[in-house]
Amino acid sequence: MNKSEFTRAYADRLNVTIKEAEVLVATFIDTITACLQNGEYVHISGFATFDLKDKKAREGVNPASKEKVVIPACKSPNAKFSKSYKKIFN
C-alpha cells in the first residue's frame, strides 16, 4: 500500500473526502517530522515511539569502484512499535 492508497483507505474509514484525508495524513507526518527536527521524541501510547538516533561515522566500500570511503556521522529517524501493537500481529 502506498501513500495515495493509504489516504484513500483512510478517507473511506473516516467517511471524508480524499482531499480532507490528504490534509490529515500530511499533517500527521509533518507534525512528527517537526517534533523530531526540534529534538523531541513522539510517543503514541499503544502504537509507537518516534525518535532520532545518532549514527557514528564509519568506513564503507563503494560497490562500483570497491574503494573505501568514510560515511559521515548523521542522525536517522527511528520508529519503535509498542508491545501491545506488535501483539496484534502474532
PDB file of N, CA and C in Angstrom:
ATOM      1  N   MET A   1       0.853  -1.175   0.000  1.00  0.00           N
ATOM      2  CA  MET A   1       0.000   0.000   0.000  1.00  0.00           C
ATOM      3  C   MET A   1       0.895   1.232   0.000  1.00  0.00           C
ATOM      4  N   ASN A   2       0.703   2.100  -0.970  1.00  0.00           N
ATOM      5  CA  ASN A   2       1.468   3.335  -0.999  1.00  0.00           C
ATOM      6  C   ASN A   2       0.683   4.461  -0.325  1.00  0.00           C
ATOM      7  N   LYS A   3       1.254   5.658  -0.320  1.00  0.00           N
ATOM      8  CA  LYS A   3       0.638   6.770   0.403  1.00  0.00           C
ATOM      9  C   LYS A   3      -0.754   7.124  -0.139  1.00  0.00           C
ATOM     10  N   SER A   4      -0.909   7.145  -1.449  1.00  0.00           N
ATOM     11  CA  SER A   4      -2.217   7.504  -2.011  1.00  0.00           C
ATOM     12  C   SER A   4      -3.263   6.431  -1.725  1.00  0.00           C
ATOM     13  N   GLU A   5      -2.860   5.168  -1.758  1.00  0.00           N
ATOM     14  CA  GLU A   5      -3.791   4.090  -1.408  1.00  0.00           C
ATOM     15  C   GLU A   5      -4.160   4.159   0.063  1.00  0.00           C
ATOM     16  N   PHE A   6      -3.170   4.470   0.908  1.00  0.00           N
ATOM     17  CA  PHE A   6      -3.441   4.628   2.333  1.00  0.00           C
ATOM     18  C   PHE A   6      -4.408   5.782   2.568  1.00  0.00           C
ATOM     19  N   THR A   7      -4.176   6.895   1.882  1.00  0.00           N
ATOM     20  CA  THR A   7      -5.039   8.068   2.032  1.00  0.00           C
ATOM     21  C   THR A   7      -6.468   7.740   1.620  1.00  0.00           C
ATOM     22  N   ARG A   8      -6.630   6.995   0.540  1.00  0.00           N
ATOM     23  CA  ARG A   8      -7.976   6.607   0.084  1.00  0.00           C
ATOM     24  C   ARG A   8      -8.649   5.707   1.127  1.00  0.00           C
ATOM     25  N   ALA A   9      -7.922   4.740   1.674  1.00  0.00           N
ATOM     26  CA  ALA A   9      -8.476   3.849   2.701  1.00  0.00           C
ATOM     27  C   ALA A   9      -8.831   4.638   3.957  1.00  0.00           C
ATOM     28  N   TYR A  10      -7.980   5.595   4.317  1.00  0.00           N
ATOM     29  CA  TYR A  10      -8.216   6.454   5.477  1.00  0.00           C
ATOM     30  C   TYR A  10      -9.486   7.289   5.263  1.00  0.00           C
ATOM     31  N   ALA A  11      -9.634   7.833   4.062  1.00  0.00           N
ATOM     32  CA  ALA A  11     -10.834   8.625   3.734  1.00  0.00           C
ATOM     33  C   ALA A  11     -12.090   7.764   3.827  1.00  0.00           C
ATOM     34  N   ASP A  12     -12.011   6.539   3.342  1.00  0.00           N
ATOM     35  CA  ASP A  12     -13.161   5.637   3.398  1.00  0.00           C
ATOM     36  C   ASP A  12     -13.553   5.320   4.836  1.00  0.00           C
ATOM     37  N   ARG A  13     -12.544   5.076   5.692  1.00  0.00           N
ATOM     38  CA  ARG A  13     -12.830   4.739   7.100  1.00  0.00           C
ATOM     39  C   ARG A  13     -13.429   5.914   7.848  1.00  0.00           C
ATOM     40  N   LEU A  14     -12.977   7.134   7.524  1.00  0.00           N
ATOM     41  CA  LEU A  14     -13.475   8.323   8.222  1.00  0.00           C
ATOM     42  C   LEU A  14     -14.716   8.914   7.553  1.00  0.00           C
ATOM     43  N   ASN A  15     -15.045   8.392   6.367  1.00  0.00           N
ATOM     44  CA  ASN A  15     -16.165   8.913   5.593  1.00  0.00           C
ATOM     45  C   ASN A  15     -15.985  10.408   5.292  1.00  0.00           C
ATOM     46  N   VAL A  16     -14.762  10.746   4.820  1.00  0.00           N
ATOM     47  CA  VAL A  16     -14.442  12.110   4.404  1.00  0.00           C
ATOM     48  C   VAL A  16     -13.927  12.048   2.973  1.00  0.00           C
ATOM     49  N   THR A  17     -13.745  13.225   2.378  1.00  0.00           N
ATOM     50  CA  THR A  17     -13.218  13.259   1.007  1.00  0.00           C
ATOM     51  C   THR A  17     -11.732  12.901   1.013  1.00  0.00           C
ATOM     52  N   ILE A  18     -11.249  12.538  -0.154  1.00  0.00           N
ATOM     53  CA  ILE A  18      -9.832  12.197  -0.281  1.00  0.00           C
ATOM     54  C   ILE A  18      -8.977  13.431   0.010  1.00  0.00           C
ATOM     55  N   LYS A  19      -9.417  14.596  -0.415  1.00  0.00           N
ATOM     56  CA  LYS A  19      -8.683  15.835  -0.147  1.00  0.00           C
ATOM     57  C   LYS A  19      -8.554  16.086   1.350  1.00  0.00           C
ATOM     58  N   GLU A  20      -9.637  15.865   2.104  1.00  0.00           N
ATOM     59  CA  GLU A  20      -9.585  16.043   3.558  1.00  0.00           C
ATOM     60  C   GLU A  20      -8.641  15.029   4.189  1.00  0.00           C
ATOM     61  N   ALA A  21      -8.682  13.794   3.710  1.00  0.00           N
ATOM     62  CA  ALA A  21      -7.804  12.752   4.235  1.00  0.00           C
ATOM     63  C   ALA A  21      -6.341  13.072   3.909  1.00  0.00           C
ATOM     64  N   GLU A  22      -6.078  13.626   2.721  1.00  0.00           N
ATOM     65  CA  GLU A  22      -4.712  14.012   2.357  1.00  0.00           C
ATOM     66  C   GLU A  22      -4.168  15.038   3.342  1.00  0.00           C
ATOM     67  N   VAL A  23      -5.002  16.000   3.719  1.00  0.00           N
ATOM     68  CA  VAL A  23      -4.591  17.024   4.683  1.00  0.00           C
ATOM     69  C   VAL A  23      -4.303  16.383   6.040  1.00  0.00           C
ATOM     70  N   LEU A  24      -5.160  15.470   6.465  1.00  0.00           N
ATOM     71  CA  LEU A  24      -4.976  14.810   7.762  1.00  0.00           C
ATOM     72  C   LEU A  24      -3.694  13.972   7.790  1.00  0.00           C
ATOM     73  N   VAL A  25      -3.458  13.202   6.755  1.00  0.00           N
ATOM     74  CA  VAL A  25      -2.266  12.360   6.691  1.00  0.00           C
ATOM     75  C   VAL A  25      -1.013  13.234   6.634  1.00  0.00           C
ATOM     76  N   ALA A  26      -1.029  14.262   5.794  1.00  0.00           N
ATOM     77  CA  ALA A  26       0.123  15.155   5.670  1.00  0.00           C
ATOM     78  C   ALA A  26       0.401  15.882   6.987  1.00  0.00           C
ATOM     79  N   THR A  27      -0.643  16.297   7.674  1.00  0.00           N
ATOM     80  CA  THR A  27      -0.478  16.988   8.957  1.00  0.00           C
ATOM     81  C   THR A  27       0.123  16.053   9.998  1.00  0.00           C
ATOM     82  N   PHE A  28      -0.325  14.807  10.039  1.00  0.00           N
ATOM     83  CA  PHE A  28       0.221  13.816  10.961  1.00  0.00           C
ATOM     84  C   PHE A  28       1.724  13.635  10.724  1.00  0.00           C
ATOM     85  N   ILE A  29       2.102  13.441   9.468  1.00  0.00           N
ATOM     86  CA  ILE A  29       3.506  13.232   9.116  1.00  0.00           C
ATOM     87  C   ILE A  29       4.322  14.489   9.407  1.00  0.00           C
ATOM     88  N   ASP A  30       3.804  15.656   9.024  1.00  0.00           N
ATOM     89  CA  ASP A  30       4.517  16.917   9.245  1.00  0.00           C
ATOM     90  C   ASP A  30       4.715  17.200  10.732  1.00  0.00           C
ATOM     91  N   THR A  31       3.729  16.865  11.558  1.00  0.00           N
ATOM     92  CA  THR A  31       3.836  17.102  12.998  1.00  0.00           C
ATOM     93  C   THR A  31       4.926  16.228  13.611  1.00  0.00           C
ATOM     94  N   ILE A  32       4.961  14.962  13.242  1.00  0.00           N
ATOM     95  CA  ILE A  32       6.009  14.077  13.745  1.00  0.00           C
ATOM     96  C   ILE A  32       7.378  14.580  13.275  1.00  0.00           C
ATOM     97  N   THR A  33       7.487  14.965  12.020  1.00  0.00           N
ATOM     98  CA  THR A  33       8.740  15.463  11.467  1.00  0.00           C
ATOM     99  C   THR A  33       9.211  16.707  12.204  1.00  0.00           C
ATOM    100  N   ALA A  34       8.301  17.658  12.444  1.00  0.00           N
ATOM    101  CA  ALA A  34       8.659  18.902  13.140  1.00  0.00           C
ATOM    102  C   ALA A  34       9.137  18.618  14.561  1.00  0.00           C
ATOM    103  N   CYS A  35       8.477  17.707  15.245  1.00  0.00           N
ATOM    104  CA  CYS A  35       8.894  17.349  16.604  1.00  0.00           C
ATOM    105  C   CYS A  35      10.298  16.754  16.596  1.00  0.00           C
ATOM    106  N   LEU A  36      10.570  15.861  15.665  1.00  0.00           N
ATOM    107  CA  LEU A  36      11.890  15.247  15.575  1.00  0.00           C
ATOM    108  C   LEU A  36      12.960  16.284  15.240  1.00  0.00           C
ATOM    109  N   GLN A  37      12.637  17.220  14.357  1.00  0.00           N
ATOM    110  CA  GLN A  37      13.589  18.271  14.000  1.00  0.00           C
ATOM    111  C   GLN A  37      13.898  19.171  15.193  1.00  0.00           C
ATOM    112  N   ASN A  38      12.948  19.311  16.125  1.00  0.00           N
ATOM    113  CA  ASN A  38      13.148  20.120  17.323  1.00  0.00           C
ATOM    114  C   ASN A  38      13.828  19.345  18.440  1.00  0.00           C
ATOM    115  N   GLY A  39      14.219  18.104  18.163  1.00  0.00           N
ATOM    116  CA  GLY A  39      14.906  17.305  19.154  1.00  0.00           C
ATOM    117  C   GLY A  39      13.982  16.583  20.122  1.00  0.00           C
ATOM    118  N   GLU A  40      12.694  16.606  19.874  1.00  0.00           N
ATOM    119  CA  GLU A  40      11.729  15.930  20.721  1.00  0.00           C
ATOM    120  C   GLU A  40      11.516  14.505  20.226  1.00  0.00           C
ATOM    121  N   TYR A  41      10.970  13.672  21.076  1.00  0.00           N
ATOM    122  CA  TYR A  41      10.525  12.359  20.616  1.00  0.00           C
ATOM    123  C   TYR A  41       9.009  12.342  20.697  1.00  0.00           C
ATOM    124  N   VAL A  42       8.414  11.474  19.922  1.00  0.00           N
ATOM    125  CA  VAL A  42       6.957  11.370  19.863  1.00  0.00           C
ATOM    126  C   VAL A  42       6.568   9.982  20.352  1.00  0.00           C
ATOM    127  N   HIS A  43       5.732   9.930  21.382  1.00  0.00           N
ATOM    128  CA  HIS A  43       5.259   8.650  21.917  1.00  0.00           C
ATOM    129  C   HIS A  43       3.741   8.617  21.774  1.00  0.00           C
ATOM    130  N   ILE A  44       3.254   7.696  20.969  1.00  0.00           N
ATOM    131  CA  ILE A  44       1.817   7.499  20.798  1.00  0.00           C
ATOM    132  C   ILE A  44       1.499   6.191  21.498  1.00  0.00           C
ATOM    133  N   SER A  45       0.922   6.311  22.685  1.00  0.00           N
ATOM    134  CA  SER A  45       0.685   5.155  23.546  1.00  0.00           C
ATOM    135  C   SER A  45      -0.094   4.068  22.807  1.00  0.00           C
ATOM    136  N   GLY A  46       0.389   2.830  22.915  1.00  0.00           N
ATOM    137  CA  GLY A  46      -0.260   1.697  22.272  1.00  0.00           C
ATOM    138  C   GLY A  46       0.059   1.558  20.803  1.00  0.00           C
ATOM    139  N   PHE A  47       0.913   2.445  20.274  1.00  0.00           N
ATOM    140  CA  PHE A  47       1.258   2.374  18.859  1.00  0.00           C
ATOM    141  C   PHE A  47       2.773   2.374  18.651  1.00  0.00           C
ATOM    142  N   ALA A  48       3.421   3.531  18.843  1.00  0.00           N
ATOM    143  CA  ALA A  48       4.851   3.605  18.545  1.00  0.00           C
ATOM    144  C   ALA A  48       5.500   4.811  19.200  1.00  0.00           C
ATOM    145  N   THR A  49       6.838   4.766  19.240  1.00  0.00           N
ATOM    146  CA  THR A  49       7.654   5.893  19.664  1.00  0.00           C
ATOM    147  C   THR A  49       8.558   6.246  18.493  1.00  0.00           C
ATOM    148  N   PHE A  50       8.624   7.528  18.175  1.00  0.00           N
ATOM    149  CA  PHE A  50       9.472   8.021  17.092  1.00  0.00           C
ATOM    150  C   PHE A  50      10.562   8.891  17.704  1.00  0.00           C
ATOM    151  N   ASP A  51      11.803   8.673  17.304  1.00  0.00           N
ATOM    152  CA  ASP A  51      12.896   9.497  17.782  1.00  0.00           C
ATOM    153  C   ASP A  51      14.024   9.506  16.762  1.00  0.00           C
ATOM    154  N   LEU A  52      15.088  10.251  17.081  1.00  0.00           N
ATOM    155  CA  LEU A  52      16.262  10.308  16.215  1.00  0.00           C
ATOM    156  C   LEU A  52      17.391   9.533  16.870  1.00  0.00           C
ATOM    157  N   LYS A  53      18.102   8.768  16.083  1.00  0.00           N
ATOM    158  CA  LYS A  53      19.266   8.024  16.551  1.00  0.00           C
ATOM    159  C   LYS A  53      20.512   8.655  15.937  1.00  0.00           C
ATOM    160  N   ASP A  54      21.541   8.821  16.767  1.00  0.00           N
ATOM    161  CA  ASP A  54      22.821   9.311  16.267  1.00  0.00           C
ATOM    162  C   ASP A  54      23.605   8.134  15.694  1.00  0.00           C
ATOM    163  N   LYS A  55      24.032   8.278  14.463  1.00  0.00           N
ATOM    164  CA  LYS A  55      24.878   7.251  13.844  1.00  0.00           C
ATOM    165  C   LYS A  55      26.288   7.797  13.766  1.00  0.00           C
ATOM    166  N   LYS A  56      27.243   7.021  14.233  1.00  0.00           N
ATOM    167  CA  LYS A  56      28.639   7.437  14.209  1.00  0.00           C
ATOM    168  C   LYS A  56      29.191   7.324  12.792  1.00  0.00           C
ATOM    169  N   ALA A  57      30.262   8.075  12.552  1.00  0.00           N
ATOM    170  CA  ALA A  57      30.956   7.963  11.274  1.00  0.00           C
ATOM    171  C   ALA A  57      31.529   6.548  11.176  1.00  0.00           C
ATOM    172  N   ARG A  58      31.548   6.024   9.972  1.00  0.00           N
ATOM    173  CA  ARG A  58      32.044   4.661   9.795  1.00  0.00           C
ATOM    174  C   ARG A  58      32.653   4.520   8.399  1.00  0.00           C
ATOM    175  N   GLU A  59      33.388   3.451   8.248  1.00  0.00           N
ATOM    176  CA  GLU A  59      34.021   3.199   6.962  1.00  0.00           C
ATOM    177  C   GLU A  59      33.147   2.261   6.137  1.00  0.00           C
ATOM    178  N   GLY A  60      33.007   2.567   4.875  1.00  0.00           N
ATOM    179  CA  GLY A  60      32.225   1.735   3.973  1.00  0.00           C
ATOM    180  C   GLY A  60      33.002   1.489   2.695  1.00  0.00           C
ATOM    181  N   VAL A  61      32.374   0.773   1.765  1.00  0.00           N
ATOM    182  CA  VAL A  61      33.011   0.463   0.487  1.00  0.00           C
ATOM    183  C   VAL A  61      32.072   0.878  -0.637  1.00  0.00           C
ATOM    184  N   ASN A  62      32.604   1.621  -1.593  1.00  0.00           N
ATOM    185  CA  ASN A  62      31.851   1.990  -2.779  1.00  0.00           C
ATOM    186  C   ASN A  62      31.705   0.725  -3.630  1.00  0.00           C
ATOM    187  N   PRO A  63      30.476   0.227  -3.833  1.00  0.00           N
ATOM    188  CA  PRO A  63      30.311  -1.042  -4.549  1.00  0.00           C
ATOM    189  C   PRO A  63      30.749  -0.980  -6.011  1.00  0.00           C
ATOM    190  N   ALA A  64      30.714   0.204  -6.609  1.00  0.00           N
ATOM    191  CA  ALA A  64      31.102   0.317  -8.015  1.00  0.00           C
ATOM    192  C   ALA A  64      32.616   0.247  -8.193  1.00  0.00           C
ATOM    193  N   SER A  65      33.359   0.961  -7.332  1.00  0.00           N
ATOM    194  CA  SER A  65      34.811   1.032  -7.500  1.00  0.00           C
ATOM    195  C   SER A  65      35.580   0.213  -6.472  1.00  0.00           C
ATOM    196  N   LYS A  66      34.868  -0.345  -5.502  1.00  0.00           N
ATOM    197  CA  LYS A  66      35.485  -1.118  -4.403  1.00  0.00           C
ATOM    198  C   LYS A  66      36.420  -0.261  -3.545  1.00  0.00           C
ATOM    199  N   GLU A  67      36.313   1.049  -3.705  1.00  0.00           N
ATOM    200  CA  GLU A  67      37.139   1.986  -2.963  1.00  0.00           C
ATOM    201  C   GLU A  67      36.561   2.206  -1.569  1.00  0.00           C
ATOM    202  N   LYS A  68      37.430   2.291  -0.557  1.00  0.00           N
ATOM    203  CA  LYS A  68      36.967   2.559   0.804  1.00  0.00           C
ATOM    204  C   LYS A  68      36.619   4.027   0.935  1.00  0.00           C
ATOM    205  N   VAL A  69      35.488   4.305   1.578  1.00  0.00           N
ATOM    206  CA  VAL A  69      35.035   5.678   1.798  1.00  0.00           C
ATOM    207  C   VAL A  69      34.595   5.825   3.251  1.00  0.00           C
ATOM    208  N   VAL A  70      34.651   7.063   3.749  1.00  0.00           N
ATOM    209  CA  VAL A  70      34.184   7.341   5.102  1.00  0.00           C
ATOM    210  C   VAL A  70      32.758   7.859   4.999  1.00  0.00           C
ATOM    211  N   ILE A  71      31.854   7.192   5.694  1.00  0.00           N
ATOM    212  CA  ILE A  71      30.453   7.621   5.751  1.00  0.00           C
ATOM    213  C   ILE A  71      30.341   8.525   6.967  1.00  0.00           C
ATOM    214  N   PRO A  72      29.959   9.797   6.769  1.00  0.00           N
ATOM    215  CA  PRO A  72      29.950  10.731   7.892  1.00  0.00           C
ATOM    216  C   PRO A  72      28.859  10.417   8.928  1.00  0.00           C
ATOM    217  N   ALA A  73      29.061  10.929  10.142  1.00  0.00           N
ATOM    218  CA  ALA A  73      28.067  10.779  11.202  1.00  0.00           C
ATOM    219  C   ALA A  73      26.788  11.502  10.774  1.00  0.00           C
ATOM    220  N   CYS A  74      25.646  10.988  11.225  1.00  0.00           N
ATOM    221  CA  CYS A  74      24.372  11.614  10.887  1.00  0.00           C
ATOM    222  C   CYS A  74      23.315  11.222  11.911  1.00  0.00           C
ATOM    223  N   LYS A  75      22.166  11.819  11.785  1.00  0.00           N
ATOM    224  CA  LYS A  75      21.021  11.451  12.606  1.00  0.00           C
ATOM    225  C   LYS A  75      20.028  10.737  11.712  1.00  0.00           C
ATOM    226  N   SER A  76      19.385   9.703  12.255  1.00  0.00           N
ATOM    227  CA  SER A  76      18.463   8.904  11.466  1.00  0.00           C
ATOM    228  C   SER A  76      17.156   8.732  12.229  1.00  0.00           C
ATOM    229  N   PRO A  77      16.012   8.956  11.571  1.00  0.00           N
ATOM    230  CA  PRO A  77      14.736   8.744  12.259  1.00  0.00           C
ATOM    231  C   PRO A  77      14.532   7.269  12.580  1.00  0.00           C
ATOM    232  N   ASN A  78      13.896   7.024  13.715  1.00  0.00           N
ATOM    233  CA  ASN A  78      13.702   5.660  14.185  1.00  0.00           C
ATOM    234  C   ASN A  78      12.278   5.523  14.721  1.00  0.00           C
ATOM    235  N   ALA A  79      11.643   4.406  14.414  1.00  0.00           N
ATOM    236  CA  ALA A  79      10.310   4.113  14.945  1.00  0.00           C
ATOM    237  C   ALA A  79      10.376   2.781  15.682  1.00  0.00           C
ATOM    238  N   LYS A  80       9.874   2.769  16.912  1.00  0.00           N
ATOM    239  CA  LYS A  80       9.819   1.540  17.685  1.00  0.00           C
ATOM    240  C   LYS A  80       8.368   1.307  18.072  1.00  0.00           C
ATOM    241  N   PHE A  81       7.821   0.177  17.640  1.00  0.00           N
ATOM    242  CA  PHE A  81       6.422  -0.112  17.891  1.00  0.00           C
ATOM    243  C   PHE A  81       6.235  -0.724  19.273  1.00  0.00           C
ATOM    244  N   SER A  82       5.101  -0.422  19.894  1.00  0.00           N
ATOM    245  CA  SER A  82       4.819  -0.897  21.245  1.00  0.00           C
ATOM    246  C   SER A  82       4.534  -2.394  21.246  1.00  0.00           C
ATOM    247  N   LYS A  83       4.723  -2.994  22.411  1.00  0.00           N
ATOM    248  CA  LYS A  83       4.467  -4.422  22.556  1.00  0.00           C
ATOM    249  C   LYS A  83       3.003  -4.740  22.264  1.00  0.00           C
ATOM    250  N   SER A  84       2.102  -3.885  22.747  1.00  0.00           N
ATOM    251  CA  SER A  84       0.669  -4.168  22.541  1.00  0.00           C
ATOM    252  C   SER A  84       0.308  -4.093  21.046  1.00  0.00           C
ATOM    253  N   TYR A  85       0.955  -3.221  20.308  1.00  0.00           N
ATOM    254  CA  TYR A  85       0.694  -3.114  18.868  1.00  0.00           C
ATOM    255  C   TYR A  85       1.266  -4.332  18.137  1.00  0.00           C
ATOM    256  N   LYS A  86       2.484  -4.743  18.507  1.00  0.00           N
ATOM    257  CA  LYS A  86       3.092  -5.922  17.894  1.00  0.00           C
ATOM    258  C   LYS A  86       2.256  -7.174  18.172  1.00  0.00           C
ATOM    259  N   LYS A  87       1.663  -7.216  19.347  1.00  0.00           N
ATOM    260  CA  LYS A  87       0.886  -8.390  19.759  1.00  0.00           C
ATOM    261  C   LYS A  87      -0.310  -8.644  18.838  1.00  0.00           C
ATOM    262  N   ILE A  88      -0.831  -7.597  18.215  1.00  0.00           N
ATOM    263  CA  ILE A  88      -1.959  -7.713  17.288  1.00  0.00           C
ATOM    264  C   ILE A  88      -1.634  -8.672  16.131  1.00  0.00           C
ATOM    265  N   PHE A  89      -0.362  -8.705  15.744  1.00  0.00           N
ATOM    266  CA  PHE A  89       0.045  -9.443  14.554  1.00  0.00           C
ATOM    267  C   PHE A  89       0.557 -10.842  14.850  1.00  0.00           C
ATOM    268  N   ASN A  90       0.669 -11.197  16.116  1.00  0.00           N
ATOM    269  CA  ASN A  90       1.190 -12.516  16.471  1.00  0.00           C
ATOM    270  C   ASN A  90       0.188 -13.311  17.273  1.00  0.00           C
TER     271      ASN A  90
END
